[in-house]
């Protein structure tokens, strides 16, 4: 058995925070929101075409160490957009030859961004 690909990664968000999620994931990161299946919409949350799902959790706790690592085609532009929006950008230089950094979504979930 071999994993062929990862279908999606799900982060948690507090109830009623869809606007903050849209601002970060759609406006700042540039992700494209897609409609959730009808049967799942009552749960709240949202999905993005890039394989990021956000689920509502009343007692949400952010992923502080655990994270998704997303390979992006223009790391410099994305870093500039995050900084301009006041988002945290944490350099990660431990892997020689790999350009990357970490940020956090509005709910404190850690996300690694890696240059393609």
N, C-alpha and C. Protein backbone atom coordinates (compact mmCIF):
# COMPACT_ATOMS: atom_id res chain seq x y z
N UNK A 1 0.85 -1.17 0.00
CA UNK A 1 0.00 0.00 0.00
C UNK A 1 0.89 1.23 0.00
N UNK A 2 0.53 2.20 -0.83
CA UNK A 2 1.26 3.46 -0.88
C UNK A 2 0.27 4.61 -0.94
N UNK A 3 0.58 5.69 -0.25
CA UNK A 3 -0.25 6.89 -0.34
C UNK A 3 -0.02 7.51 -1.71
N UNK A 4 -1.07 7.76 -2.44
CA UNK A 4 -0.97 8.33 -3.77
C UNK A 4 -0.88 9.85 -3.71
N UNK A 5 -1.68 10.45 -2.83
CA UNK A 5 -1.65 11.90 -2.62
C UNK A 5 -2.45 12.21 -1.37
N UNK A 6 -2.30 13.41 -0.88
CA UNK A 6 -3.14 13.89 0.22
C UNK A 6 -4.30 14.64 -0.41
N UNK A 7 -5.50 14.29 -0.02
CA UNK A 7 -6.70 14.91 -0.57
C UNK A 7 -6.93 16.30 0.00
N UNK A 8 -6.82 16.42 1.32
CA UNK A 8 -7.01 17.72 1.96
C UNK A 8 -6.44 17.69 3.37
N UNK A 9 -6.31 18.89 3.93
CA UNK A 9 -5.90 19.07 5.31
C UNK A 9 -6.99 19.90 5.97
N UNK A 10 -7.41 19.51 7.16
CA UNK A 10 -8.45 20.28 7.85
C UNK A 10 -7.88 20.95 9.09
N UNK A 11 -8.15 22.25 9.19
CA UNK A 11 -7.84 23.04 10.37
C UNK A 11 -9.15 23.34 11.09
N UNK A 12 -9.04 23.69 12.36
CA UNK A 12 -10.21 24.09 13.13
C UNK A 12 -10.31 25.60 13.19
N UNK A 13 -11.55 26.06 13.37
CA UNK A 13 -11.79 27.48 13.59
C UNK A 13 -12.97 27.60 14.55
N UNK A 14 -13.04 28.72 15.29
CA UNK A 14 -14.16 28.91 16.20
C UNK A 14 -15.46 29.20 15.46
N UNK A 15 -16.60 28.96 16.07
CA UNK A 15 -17.88 29.28 15.43
C UNK A 15 -17.95 30.77 15.05
N UNK A 16 -18.59 31.03 13.91
CA UNK A 16 -18.83 32.40 13.48
C UNK A 16 -17.62 33.14 12.96
N UNK A 17 -16.57 32.43 12.58
CA UNK A 17 -15.34 33.10 12.14
C UNK A 17 -15.08 32.97 10.64
N UNK A 18 -16.11 32.71 9.88
CA UNK A 18 -15.94 32.55 8.43
C UNK A 18 -15.36 33.79 7.76
N UNK A 19 -15.75 34.99 8.20
CA UNK A 19 -15.24 36.22 7.58
C UNK A 19 -13.73 36.33 7.78
N UNK A 20 -13.25 36.03 8.96
CA UNK A 20 -11.80 36.07 9.22
C UNK A 20 -11.08 35.01 8.39
N UNK A 21 -11.69 33.85 8.25
CA UNK A 21 -11.09 32.79 7.43
C UNK A 21 -11.01 33.21 5.97
N UNK A 22 -12.08 33.80 5.46
CA UNK A 22 -12.07 34.26 4.06
C UNK A 22 -10.99 35.32 3.84
N UNK A 23 -10.88 36.25 4.77
CA UNK A 23 -9.87 37.30 4.62
C UNK A 23 -8.48 36.68 4.52
N UNK A 24 -8.15 35.75 5.42
CA UNK A 24 -6.82 35.16 5.44
C UNK A 24 -6.60 34.21 4.25
N UNK A 25 -7.47 33.21 4.12
CA UNK A 25 -7.24 32.18 3.12
C UNK A 25 -7.53 32.65 1.69
N UNK A 26 -8.58 33.42 1.48
CA UNK A 26 -8.93 33.86 0.12
C UNK A 26 -8.22 35.16 -0.25
N UNK A 27 -8.33 36.19 0.59
CA UNK A 27 -7.78 37.48 0.22
C UNK A 27 -6.26 37.55 0.35
N UNK A 28 -5.71 37.03 1.43
CA UNK A 28 -4.26 37.13 1.64
C UNK A 28 -3.52 36.01 0.93
N UNK A 29 -3.91 34.75 1.17
CA UNK A 29 -3.20 33.64 0.53
C UNK A 29 -3.63 33.43 -0.92
N UNK A 30 -4.81 33.93 -1.30
CA UNK A 30 -5.26 33.79 -2.68
C UNK A 30 -5.93 32.47 -2.99
N UNK A 31 -6.38 31.73 -1.98
CA UNK A 31 -7.05 30.46 -2.20
C UNK A 31 -8.46 30.70 -2.75
N UNK A 32 -8.98 29.70 -3.42
CA UNK A 32 -10.30 29.78 -4.03
C UNK A 32 -11.29 28.96 -3.20
N UNK A 33 -12.30 29.65 -2.65
CA UNK A 33 -13.30 28.94 -1.86
C UNK A 33 -14.20 28.12 -2.77
N UNK A 34 -14.52 26.90 -2.34
CA UNK A 34 -15.44 26.04 -3.07
C UNK A 34 -16.59 25.66 -2.14
N UNK A 35 -17.74 25.41 -2.73
CA UNK A 35 -18.92 25.05 -1.93
C UNK A 35 -18.74 23.67 -1.31
N UNK A 36 -19.11 23.58 -0.05
CA UNK A 36 -19.12 22.27 0.61
C UNK A 36 -20.35 21.51 0.11
N UNK A 37 -20.31 20.18 0.15
CA UNK A 37 -21.50 19.42 -0.19
C UNK A 37 -22.68 19.83 0.69
N UNK A 38 -23.85 19.84 0.12
CA UNK A 38 -25.06 20.29 0.81
C UNK A 38 -25.21 19.67 2.20
N UNK A 39 -25.00 18.38 2.31
CA UNK A 39 -25.19 17.68 3.58
C UNK A 39 -24.21 18.13 4.66
N UNK A 40 -23.11 18.76 4.28
CA UNK A 40 -22.08 19.18 5.24
C UNK A 40 -22.15 20.66 5.58
N UNK A 41 -22.94 21.43 4.87
CA UNK A 41 -22.99 22.88 5.09
C UNK A 41 -23.53 23.26 6.46
N UNK A 42 -24.43 22.44 7.01
CA UNK A 42 -25.01 22.77 8.31
C UNK A 42 -23.97 22.78 9.42
N UNK A 43 -22.85 22.14 9.19
CA UNK A 43 -21.78 22.09 10.19
C UNK A 43 -20.99 23.39 10.27
N UNK A 44 -21.16 24.26 9.29
CA UNK A 44 -20.35 25.47 9.22
C UNK A 44 -19.00 25.15 8.62
N UNK A 45 -18.11 26.12 8.67
CA UNK A 45 -16.78 25.92 8.11
C UNK A 45 -16.75 26.20 6.62
N UNK A 46 -15.63 25.89 6.01
CA UNK A 46 -15.47 26.18 4.59
C UNK A 46 -14.36 25.33 4.00
N UNK A 47 -14.40 25.23 2.67
CA UNK A 47 -13.39 24.48 1.92
C UNK A 47 -12.76 25.40 0.90
N UNK A 48 -11.50 25.11 0.58
CA UNK A 48 -10.79 25.83 -0.46
C UNK A 48 -10.23 24.83 -1.47
N UNK A 49 -10.21 25.23 -2.73
CA UNK A 49 -9.80 24.35 -3.82
C UNK A 49 -8.38 23.82 -3.64
N UNK A 50 -7.57 24.52 -2.88
CA UNK A 50 -6.17 24.12 -2.67
C UNK A 50 -6.02 22.97 -1.68
N UNK A 51 -7.15 22.43 -1.21
CA UNK A 51 -7.10 21.27 -0.32
C UNK A 51 -7.09 21.63 1.15
N UNK A 52 -7.45 22.85 1.47
CA UNK A 52 -7.56 23.27 2.87
C UNK A 52 -9.04 23.32 3.24
N UNK A 53 -9.40 22.63 4.30
CA UNK A 53 -10.75 22.66 4.83
C UNK A 53 -10.69 23.26 6.23
N UNK A 54 -11.70 24.02 6.58
CA UNK A 54 -11.81 24.59 7.92
C UNK A 54 -13.10 24.08 8.54
N UNK A 55 -12.98 23.45 9.70
CA UNK A 55 -14.14 22.93 10.40
C UNK A 55 -14.38 23.69 11.69
N UNK A 56 -15.62 23.88 12.03
CA UNK A 56 -15.99 24.63 13.23
C UNK A 56 -15.90 23.73 14.45
N UNK A 57 -15.24 24.22 15.48
CA UNK A 57 -15.14 23.53 16.76
C UNK A 57 -15.44 24.53 17.86
N UNK A 58 -16.49 24.30 18.66
CA UNK A 58 -16.84 25.25 19.72
C UNK A 58 -15.70 25.52 20.70
N UNK A 59 -14.95 24.51 21.07
CA UNK A 59 -13.82 24.67 22.00
C UNK A 59 -12.50 24.56 21.25
N UNK A 60 -12.41 25.23 20.13
CA UNK A 60 -11.28 25.13 19.23
C UNK A 60 -9.95 25.44 19.92
N UNK A 61 -8.96 24.59 19.65
CA UNK A 61 -7.58 24.81 20.08
C UNK A 61 -6.71 24.78 18.84
N UNK A 62 -5.90 25.82 18.62
CA UNK A 62 -5.10 25.87 17.40
C UNK A 62 -3.99 24.81 17.37
N UNK A 63 -3.57 24.48 16.16
CA UNK A 63 -2.42 23.60 15.97
C UNK A 63 -1.18 24.45 16.17
N UNK A 64 -0.48 24.22 17.25
CA UNK A 64 0.68 25.04 17.58
C UNK A 64 1.96 24.45 16.98
N UNK A 65 2.13 23.16 17.10
CA UNK A 65 3.31 22.49 16.53
C UNK A 65 2.92 21.76 15.24
N UNK A 66 1.83 21.00 15.28
CA UNK A 66 1.36 20.30 14.08
C UNK A 66 1.02 21.34 13.02
N UNK A 67 1.21 20.98 11.76
CA UNK A 67 0.95 21.95 10.69
C UNK A 67 0.91 21.26 9.33
N UNK A 68 0.39 21.99 8.37
CA UNK A 68 0.48 21.58 6.97
C UNK A 68 1.62 22.37 6.35
N UNK A 69 2.35 21.76 5.42
CA UNK A 69 3.40 22.45 4.67
C UNK A 69 2.91 22.55 3.23
N UNK A 70 2.77 23.77 2.74
CA UNK A 70 2.26 24.01 1.40
C UNK A 70 3.37 24.53 0.51
N UNK A 71 3.60 23.87 -0.62
CA UNK A 71 4.60 24.32 -1.58
C UNK A 71 3.94 25.37 -2.47
N UNK A 72 4.58 26.53 -2.59
CA UNK A 72 4.01 27.63 -3.36
C UNK A 72 4.99 28.08 -4.45
N UNK A 73 4.44 28.64 -5.53
CA UNK A 73 5.28 29.01 -6.67
C UNK A 73 5.91 30.39 -6.56
N UNK A 74 5.50 31.21 -5.59
CA UNK A 74 6.08 32.55 -5.43
C UNK A 74 6.12 32.89 -3.94
N UNK A 75 7.09 32.33 -3.26
CA UNK A 75 7.20 32.49 -1.81
C UNK A 75 7.42 33.95 -1.43
N UNK A 76 8.23 34.68 -2.21
CA UNK A 76 8.52 36.07 -1.86
C UNK A 76 7.28 36.95 -1.89
N UNK A 77 6.46 36.81 -2.93
CA UNK A 77 5.24 37.61 -3.02
C UNK A 77 4.28 37.26 -1.89
N UNK A 78 4.16 35.98 -1.59
CA UNK A 78 3.27 35.55 -0.52
C UNK A 78 3.75 36.09 0.83
N UNK A 79 5.05 36.05 1.05
CA UNK A 79 5.59 36.60 2.30
C UNK A 79 5.29 38.10 2.41
N UNK A 80 5.46 38.82 1.32
CA UNK A 80 5.18 40.26 1.33
C UNK A 80 3.70 40.53 1.62
N UNK A 81 2.82 39.74 1.03
CA UNK A 81 1.38 39.91 1.27
C UNK A 81 1.01 39.63 2.72
N UNK A 82 1.60 38.60 3.29
CA UNK A 82 1.35 38.27 4.70
C UNK A 82 1.85 39.39 5.60
N UNK A 83 3.05 39.87 5.35
CA UNK A 83 3.61 40.95 6.18
C UNK A 83 2.76 42.22 6.05
N UNK A 84 2.35 42.57 4.82
CA UNK A 84 1.54 43.77 4.60
C UNK A 84 0.20 43.68 5.33
N UNK A 85 -0.31 42.46 5.49
CA UNK A 85 -1.58 42.26 6.19
C UNK A 85 -1.39 42.15 7.70
N UNK A 86 -0.14 42.27 8.17
CA UNK A 86 0.12 42.19 9.61
C UNK A 86 0.20 40.78 10.15
N UNK A 87 0.36 39.80 9.27
CA UNK A 87 0.44 38.40 9.70
C UNK A 87 1.85 38.06 10.16
N UNK A 88 1.93 37.12 11.06
CA UNK A 88 3.20 36.64 11.57
C UNK A 88 3.95 35.85 10.49
N UNK A 89 5.23 36.13 10.33
CA UNK A 89 6.10 35.38 9.41
C UNK A 89 7.32 34.95 10.22
N UNK A 90 7.46 33.65 10.40
CA UNK A 90 8.56 33.10 11.19
C UNK A 90 9.54 32.36 10.28
N UNK A 91 10.74 32.91 10.06
CA UNK A 91 11.71 32.24 9.20
C UNK A 91 12.05 30.84 9.71
N UNK A 92 12.31 29.96 8.78
CA UNK A 92 12.70 28.58 9.12
C UNK A 92 13.93 28.25 8.27
N UNK A 93 15.08 28.21 8.89
CA UNK A 93 16.34 28.04 8.15
C UNK A 93 17.08 26.75 8.49
N UNK A 94 16.41 25.85 9.20
CA UNK A 94 17.10 24.64 9.66
C UNK A 94 17.42 23.65 8.54
N UNK A 95 16.74 23.73 7.42
CA UNK A 95 16.97 22.79 6.31
C UNK A 95 17.77 23.49 5.22
N UNK A 96 19.04 23.17 5.07
CA UNK A 96 19.87 23.82 4.05
C UNK A 96 19.28 23.64 2.65
N UNK A 97 19.23 24.74 1.90
CA UNK A 97 18.76 24.68 0.53
C UNK A 97 17.25 24.72 0.37
N UNK A 98 16.51 24.81 1.47
CA UNK A 98 15.05 24.85 1.39
C UNK A 98 14.58 26.22 1.88
N UNK A 99 13.94 26.97 1.00
CA UNK A 99 13.40 28.28 1.37
C UNK A 99 11.99 28.08 1.90
N UNK A 100 11.76 28.50 3.15
CA UNK A 100 10.46 28.29 3.77
C UNK A 100 10.30 29.22 4.96
N UNK A 101 9.06 29.36 5.41
CA UNK A 101 8.75 30.07 6.64
C UNK A 101 7.42 29.56 7.17
N UNK A 102 7.12 29.94 8.40
CA UNK A 102 5.85 29.58 9.03
C UNK A 102 5.03 30.84 9.26
N UNK A 103 3.72 30.67 9.22
CA UNK A 103 2.79 31.73 9.58
C UNK A 103 1.68 31.09 10.40
N UNK A 104 0.76 31.91 10.86
CA UNK A 104 -0.40 31.39 11.59
C UNK A 104 -1.66 32.01 10.99
N UNK A 105 -2.70 31.20 10.89
CA UNK A 105 -3.97 31.75 10.41
C UNK A 105 -4.60 32.57 11.54
N UNK A 106 -5.74 33.22 11.31
CA UNK A 106 -6.33 34.07 12.35
C UNK A 106 -6.70 33.33 13.63
N UNK A 107 -6.71 32.01 13.59
CA UNK A 107 -7.12 31.20 14.73
C UNK A 107 -5.94 30.57 15.45
N UNK A 108 -4.72 30.87 14.98
CA UNK A 108 -3.51 30.38 15.61
C UNK A 108 -2.96 29.10 15.03
N UNK A 109 -3.60 28.54 14.00
CA UNK A 109 -3.11 27.33 13.36
C UNK A 109 -1.81 27.63 12.62
N UNK A 110 -0.80 26.80 12.81
CA UNK A 110 0.50 26.96 12.17
C UNK A 110 0.45 26.42 10.74
N UNK A 111 1.04 27.19 9.81
CA UNK A 111 1.11 26.79 8.41
C UNK A 111 2.53 27.04 7.92
N UNK A 112 3.12 26.05 7.29
CA UNK A 112 4.46 26.19 6.70
C UNK A 112 4.29 26.45 5.21
N UNK A 113 5.04 27.40 4.70
CA UNK A 113 5.01 27.72 3.27
C UNK A 113 6.42 27.50 2.73
N UNK A 114 6.52 26.72 1.65
CA UNK A 114 7.80 26.27 1.10
C UNK A 114 7.90 26.69 -0.35
N UNK A 115 9.06 27.20 -0.76
CA UNK A 115 9.28 27.58 -2.15
C UNK A 115 9.32 26.34 -3.03
N UNK A 116 8.67 26.41 -4.17
CA UNK A 116 8.66 25.30 -5.13
C UNK A 116 10.06 25.09 -5.70
